[in-house]
C-alpha atoms as a PDB file:
ATOM      1  CA  MET A   1     -19.464 -60.152  18.677  1.00  0.00           C
ATOM      2  CA  LEU A   2     -22.803 -59.242  20.286  1.00  0.00           C
ATOM      3  CA  LYS A   3     -22.099 -61.710  23.073  1.00  0.00           C
ATOM      4  CA  LYS A   4     -18.758 -59.978  23.810  1.00  0.00           C
ATOM      5  CA  ILE A   5     -20.447 -56.561  23.915  1.00  0.00           C
ATOM      6  CA  ILE A   6     -23.075 -57.868  26.331  1.00  0.00           C
ATOM      7  CA  ILE A   7     -20.370 -59.409  28.553  1.00  0.00           C
ATOM      8  CA  VAL A   8     -18.384 -56.146  28.564  1.00  0.00           C
ATOM      9  CA  LEU A   9     -21.477 -54.064  29.374  1.00  0.00           C
ATOM     10  CA  ALA A  10     -22.565 -56.487  32.113  1.00  0.00           C
ATOM     11  CA  SER A  11     -19.041 -56.341  33.570  1.00  0.00           C
ATOM     12  CA  ILE A  12     -19.024 -52.540  33.589  1.00  0.00           C
ATOM     13  CA  ILE A  13     -22.458 -52.439  35.242  1.00  0.00           C
ATOM     14  CA  GLY A  14     -21.349 -55.061  37.760  1.00  0.00           C
ATOM     15  CA  ILE A  15     -18.202 -53.118  38.625  1.00  0.00           C
ATOM     16  CA  TYR A  16     -20.246 -49.929  38.995  1.00  0.00           C
ATOM     17  CA  PHE A  17     -22.656 -51.607  41.422  1.00  0.00           C
ATOM     18  CA  LEU A  18     -19.738 -53.076  43.347  1.00  0.00           C
ATOM     19  CA  LEU A  19     -18.330 -49.544  43.668  1.00  0.00           C
ATOM     20  CA  CYS A  20     -21.754 -48.394  44.896  1.00  0.00           C
ATOM     21  CA  PHE A  21     -21.528 -50.943  47.712  1.00  0.00           C
ATOM     22  CA  ILE A  22     -18.047 -49.688  48.600  1.00  0.00           C
ATOM     23  CA  GLY A  23     -18.910 -45.962  48.393  1.00  0.00           C
ATOM     24  CA  LYS A  24     -19.879 -43.910  51.434  1.00  0.00           C
ATOM     25  CA  SER A  25     -23.559 -43.766  52.307  1.00  0.00           C
ATOM     26  CA  ASP A  26     -23.308 -40.252  53.738  1.00  0.00           C
ATOM     27  CA  SER A  27     -21.112 -37.148  53.894  1.00  0.00           C
ATOM     28  CA  ARG A  28     -20.508 -34.505  56.516  1.00  0.00           C
ATOM     29  CA  VAL A  29     -18.545 -31.268  56.226  1.00  0.00           C
ATOM     30  CA  GLU A  30     -17.986 -28.908  59.148  1.00  0.00           C
ATOM     31  CA  ARG A  31     -15.966 -25.759  59.662  1.00  0.00           C
ATOM     32  CA  MET A  32     -15.550 -23.672  62.803  1.00  0.00           C
ATOM     33  CA  ILE A  33     -14.703 -20.091  63.722  1.00  0.00           C
ATOM     34  CA  GLU A  34     -14.694 -17.984  66.899  1.00  0.00           C
ATOM     35  CA  ILE A  35     -16.760 -14.800  66.847  1.00  0.00           C
ATOM     36  CA  ASN A  36     -16.585 -12.004  69.421  1.00  0.00           C
ATOM     37  CA  ALA A  37     -20.321 -11.749  70.078  1.00  0.00           C
ATOM     38  CA  SER A  38     -23.105 -13.274  72.122  1.00  0.00           C
ATOM     39  CA  ALA A  39     -24.875 -16.443  71.020  1.00  0.00           C
ATOM     40  CA  GLU A  40     -28.105 -14.440  70.751  1.00  0.00           C
ATOM     41  CA  THR A  41     -26.543 -11.912  68.346  1.00  0.00           C
ATOM     42  CA  ILE A  42     -25.140 -14.690  66.187  1.00  0.00           C
ATOM     43  CA  LYS A  43     -28.383 -16.699  66.156  1.00  0.00           C
ATOM     44  CA  ASN A  44     -30.417 -13.628  65.171  1.00  0.00           C
ATOM     45  CA  THR A  45     -28.058 -13.065  62.246  1.00  0.00           C
ATOM     46  CA  LEU A  46     -28.218 -16.721  61.190  1.00  0.00           C
ATOM     47  CA  TYR A  47     -32.018 -16.787  61.319  1.00  0.00           C
ATOM     48  CA  ASP A  48     -32.305 -14.065  58.689  1.00  0.00           C
ATOM     49  CA  PHE A  49     -31.622 -15.489  55.226  1.00  0.00           C
ATOM     50  CA  ARG A  50     -31.685 -11.981  53.731  1.00  0.00           C
ATOM     51  CA  ILE A  51     -28.597 -11.134  55.771  1.00  0.00           C
ATOM     52  CA  PHE A  52     -27.057 -14.411  54.638  1.00  0.00           C
ATOM     53  CA  GLN A  53     -27.752 -13.796  50.952  1.00  0.00           C
ATOM     54  CA  GLU A  54     -26.897 -10.099  50.906  1.00  0.00           C
ATOM     55  CA  GLN A  55     -24.007  -9.847  53.363  1.00  0.00           C
ATOM     56  CA  TRP A  56     -22.093 -13.028  54.087  1.00  0.00           C
ATOM     57  CA  SER A  57     -23.014 -15.874  51.738  1.00  0.00           C
ATOM     58  CA  PRO A  58     -19.998 -17.316  49.926  1.00  0.00           C
ATOM     59  CA  TYR A  59     -22.363 -18.418  47.150  1.00  0.00           C
ATOM     60  CA  THR A  60     -23.632 -15.019  46.032  1.00  0.00           C
ATOM     61  CA  LYS A  61     -20.303 -14.458  44.251  1.00  0.00           C
ATOM     62  CA  TYR A  62     -21.113 -17.272  41.824  1.00  0.00           C
ATOM     63  CA  ASP A  63     -24.017 -15.261  40.439  1.00  0.00           C
ATOM     64  CA  PRO A  64     -24.692 -11.859  42.039  1.00  0.00           C
ATOM     65  CA  GLN A  65     -27.700 -11.515  39.673  1.00  0.00           C
ATOM     66  CA  MET A  66     -29.397 -14.767  40.683  1.00  0.00           C
ATOM     67  CA  LYS A  67     -33.121 -14.519  41.309  1.00  0.00           C
ATOM     68  CA  THR A  68     -33.948 -14.858  45.012  1.00  0.00           C
ATOM     69  CA  THR A  69     -37.262 -15.009  46.851  1.00  0.00           C
ATOM     70  CA  TYR A  70     -38.087 -15.186  50.547  1.00  0.00           C
ATOM     71  CA  SER A  71     -41.199 -16.546  52.187  1.00  0.00           C
ATOM     72  CA  GLY A  72     -42.241 -16.671  55.812  1.00  0.00           C
ATOM     73  CA  THR A  73     -40.778 -14.934  58.838  1.00  0.00           C
ATOM     74  CA  ALA A  74     -37.117 -15.131  59.870  1.00  0.00           C
ATOM     75  CA  GLY A  75     -36.639 -17.506  62.777  1.00  0.00           C
ATOM     76  CA  GLU A  76     -39.986 -19.258  62.303  1.00  0.00           C
ATOM     77  CA  ARG A  77     -40.308 -22.816  61.000  1.00  0.00           C
ATOM     78  CA  GLY A  78     -40.723 -22.827  57.235  1.00  0.00           C
ATOM     79  CA  TYR A  79     -38.942 -19.491  56.595  1.00  0.00           C
ATOM     80  CA  LYS A  80     -37.418 -19.995  53.168  1.00  0.00           C
ATOM     81  CA  LEU A  81     -34.859 -18.583  50.774  1.00  0.00           C
ATOM     82  CA  SER A  82     -35.189 -19.829  47.198  1.00  0.00           C
ATOM     83  CA  TRP A  83     -32.781 -19.028  44.399  1.00  0.00           C
ATOM     84  CA  GLU A  84     -32.493 -19.655  40.711  1.00  0.00           C
ATOM     85  CA  SER A  85     -29.461 -19.092  38.533  1.00  0.00           C
ATOM     86  CA  ASP A  86     -28.450 -19.932  35.006  1.00  0.00           C
ATOM     87  CA  LYS A  87     -24.906 -20.458  36.276  1.00  0.00           C
ATOM     88  CA  GLU A  88     -24.063 -24.039  37.169  1.00  0.00           C
ATOM     89  CA  GLU A  89     -22.103 -23.036  40.294  1.00  0.00           C
ATOM     90  CA  ALA A  90     -25.201 -21.455  41.874  1.00  0.00           C
ATOM     91  CA  GLY A  91     -27.921 -23.637  40.371  1.00  0.00           C
ATOM     92  CA  LYS A  92     -31.451 -23.712  41.679  1.00  0.00           C
ATOM     93  CA  GLY A  93     -32.520 -24.551  45.197  1.00  0.00           C
ATOM     94  CA  SER A  94     -33.793 -23.459  48.567  1.00  0.00           C
ATOM     95  CA  LEU A  95     -32.816 -23.127  52.213  1.00  0.00           C
ATOM     96  CA  THR A  96     -35.597 -23.679  54.758  1.00  0.00           C
ATOM     97  CA  TYR A  97     -35.409 -23.039  58.494  1.00  0.00           C
ATOM     98  CA  GLN A  98     -36.555 -26.084  60.489  1.00  0.00           C
ATOM     99  CA  TYR A  99     -35.898 -25.518  64.191  1.00  0.00           C
ATOM    100  CA  THR A 100     -33.506 -24.441  66.925  1.00  0.00           C
ATOM    101  CA  HIS A 101     -32.636 -26.830  69.726  1.00  0.00           C
ATOM    102  CA  ALA A 102     -30.391 -25.460  72.475  1.00  0.00           C
ATOM    103  CA  ASP A 103     -27.236 -24.384  70.636  1.00  0.00           C
ATOM    104  CA  THR A 104     -28.128 -25.782  67.184  1.00  0.00           C
ATOM    105  CA  ILE A 105     -29.982 -24.166  64.275  1.00  0.00           C
ATOM    106  CA  MET A 106     -31.215 -26.702  61.729  1.00  0.00           C
ATOM    107  CA  ASN A 107     -32.101 -25.913  58.110  1.00  0.00           C
ATOM    108  CA  THR A 108     -32.909 -28.047  55.082  1.00  0.00           C
ATOM    109  CA  LEU A 109     -30.831 -27.287  52.006  1.00  0.00           C
ATOM    110  CA  HIS A 110     -32.373 -28.402  48.722  1.00  0.00           C
ATOM    111  CA  PHE A 111     -30.628 -28.374  45.354  1.00  0.00           C
ATOM    112  CA  ASP A 112     -32.903 -29.322  42.481  1.00  0.00           C
ATOM    113  CA  ASP A 113     -30.254 -31.550  40.926  1.00  0.00           C
ATOM    114  CA  PHE A 114     -29.015 -33.174  44.141  1.00  0.00           C
ATOM    115  CA  GLY A 115     -31.881 -33.402  46.628  1.00  0.00           C
ATOM    116  CA  ASP A 116     -31.931 -32.457  50.313  1.00  0.00           C
ATOM    117  CA  SER A 117     -29.275 -32.206  52.972  1.00  0.00           C
ATOM    118  CA  GLU A 118     -29.144 -30.932  56.531  1.00  0.00           C
ATOM    119  CA  ASN A 119     -27.489 -27.541  56.876  1.00  0.00           C
ATOM    120  CA  TYR A 120     -26.794 -26.568  60.466  1.00  0.00           C
ATOM    121  CA  TYR A 121     -25.035 -24.170  62.798  1.00  0.00           C
ATOM    122  CA  ILE A 122     -23.833 -24.972  66.310  1.00  0.00           C
ATOM    123  CA  ILE A 123     -23.233 -21.901  68.466  1.00  0.00           C
ATOM    124  CA  LYS A 124     -21.418 -22.404  71.795  1.00  0.00           C
ATOM    125  CA  GLN A 125     -20.903 -19.465  74.112  1.00  0.00           C
ATOM    126  CA  GLN A 126     -17.373 -19.385  75.554  1.00  0.00           C
ATOM    127  CA  GLY A 127     -17.075 -16.311  77.737  1.00  0.00           C
ATOM    128  CA  GLU A 128     -17.489 -13.228  75.557  1.00  0.00           C
ATOM    129  CA  LYS A 129     -16.867 -15.231  72.390  1.00  0.00           C
ATOM    130  CA  CYS A 130     -18.770 -17.962  70.614  1.00  0.00           C
ATOM    131  CA  GLN A 131     -17.534 -20.951  68.737  1.00  0.00           C
ATOM    132  CA  VAL A 132     -19.646 -21.254  65.570  1.00  0.00           C
ATOM    133  CA  VAL A 133     -19.717 -24.443  63.518  1.00  0.00           C
ATOM    134  CA  TRP A 134     -21.265 -24.459  60.053  1.00  0.00           C
ATOM    135  CA  GLY A 135     -22.021 -27.961  58.880  1.00  0.00           C
ATOM    136  CA  MET A 136     -23.786 -29.964  56.235  1.00  0.00           C
ATOM    137  CA  TYR A 137     -24.828 -33.600  56.346  1.00  0.00           C
ATOM    138  CA  SER A 138     -26.285 -35.546  53.463  1.00  0.00           C
ATOM    139  CA  GLN A 139     -27.109 -39.127  52.695  1.00  0.00           C
ATOM    140  CA  THR A 140     -25.917 -40.454  49.367  1.00  0.00           C
ATOM    141  CA  PRO A 141     -28.420 -42.453  47.330  1.00  0.00           C
ATOM    142  CA  PHE A 142     -27.069 -45.920  46.538  1.00  0.00           C
ATOM    143  CA  ILE A 143     -26.781 -45.319  42.797  1.00  0.00           C
ATOM    144  CA  PHE A 144     -24.496 -42.258  43.339  1.00  0.00           C
ATOM    145  CA  ARG A 145     -22.130 -43.810  45.888  1.00  0.00           C
ATOM    146  CA  ALA A 146     -19.652 -44.946  43.232  1.00  0.00           C
ATOM    147  CA  MET A 147     -19.205 -41.358  42.055  1.00  0.00           C
ATOM    148  CA  GLY A 148     -18.414 -40.380  45.635  1.00  0.00           C
ATOM    149  CA  LEU A 149     -15.267 -42.486  45.440  1.00  0.00           C
ATOM    150  CA  PHE A 150     -13.930 -40.098  42.801  1.00  0.00           C
ATOM    151  CA  MET A 151     -15.305 -36.779  44.133  1.00  0.00           C
ATOM    152  CA  ASN A 152     -14.168 -35.199  47.381  1.00  0.00           C
ATOM    153  CA  PHE A 153     -17.212 -33.603  49.032  1.00  0.00           C
ATOM    154  CA  GLU A 154     -14.989 -32.015  51.677  1.00  0.00           C
ATOM    155  CA  GLU A 155     -12.804 -30.283  49.069  1.00  0.00           C
ATOM    156  CA  MET A 156     -15.864 -29.059  47.187  1.00  0.00           C
ATOM    157  CA  ILE A 157     -17.757 -27.555  50.167  1.00  0.00           C
ATOM    158  CA  ALA A 158     -15.250 -26.677  52.902  1.00  0.00           C
ATOM    159  CA  PRO A 159     -13.570 -23.699  51.195  1.00  0.00           C
ATOM    160  CA  ASP A 160     -16.962 -21.981  50.767  1.00  0.00           C
ATOM    161  CA  PHE A 161     -17.829 -22.633  54.423  1.00  0.00           C
ATOM    162  CA  GLU A 162     -14.510 -21.092  55.482  1.00  0.00           C
ATOM    163  CA  VAL A 163     -15.130 -17.964  53.392  1.00  0.00           C
ATOM    164  CA  GLY A 164     -18.711 -17.718  54.646  1.00  0.00           C
ATOM    165  CA  LEU A 165     -17.699 -18.011  58.295  1.00  0.00           C
ATOM    166  CA  ARG A 166     -15.024 -15.310  57.866  1.00  0.00           C
ATOM    167  CA  ASN A 167     -17.657 -13.076  56.241  1.00  0.00           C
ATOM    168  CA  LEU A 168     -20.121 -13.797  59.080  1.00  0.00           C
ATOM    169  CA  LYS A 169     -17.468 -12.984  61.685  1.00  0.00           C
ATOM    170  CA  GLY A 170     -16.680  -9.729  59.897  1.00  0.00           C
ATOM    171  CA  ILE A 171     -20.240  -8.428  59.728  1.00  0.00           C
ATOM    172  CA  ILE A 172     -21.108  -9.421  63.305  1.00  0.00           C
ATOM    173  CA  GLU A 173     -17.949  -8.046  64.874  1.00  0.00           C
ATOM    174  CA  GLN A 174     -18.262  -4.837  62.836  1.00  0.00           C
ATOM    175  CA  LYS A 175     -21.827  -4.360  64.135  1.00  0.00           C
ATOM    176  CA  ASN A 176     -20.602  -4.919  67.702  1.00  0.00           C
ATOM    177  CA  THR A 177     -17.981  -2.160  67.416  1.00  0.00           C
ATOM    178  CA  ASN A 178     -20.447   0.416  66.048  1.00  0.00           C
END
């Protein structure tokens, strides 16, 4: 009987590791919107995590009472938004500004339970409008790749990005008309 249990457990572990080999090693989600504003106006809004948290973040709705702290200066390397929530949807983590290169703003997004990912914005001026892409890229540790076969990262993240970009468009275009 013990031998059968060991064989079954070894088979389950073997299948899991096989699924880890099959699973994706990384994930990327991107969403785009056009905003009637200059690239400079949009970048200045994106640099300020207070504006993000208080005016256009799709995540604030999960816990409007979450504890937030800011450190550093907006637009300077190391500027950081940290949050902590008792609600699973918001969790605990941080967003740290890394750099801007040409049309791309790069941040590091850290969730305590999931590790780090790259969170970025690409802003391309097109006449009087800008195309703004909000994206996230993360590498999946080997041991979690099997779970990725059963979870759709795109379906989990993309709807929030779409809401956030619509909110961003709204606040920027409203400021431009005032």
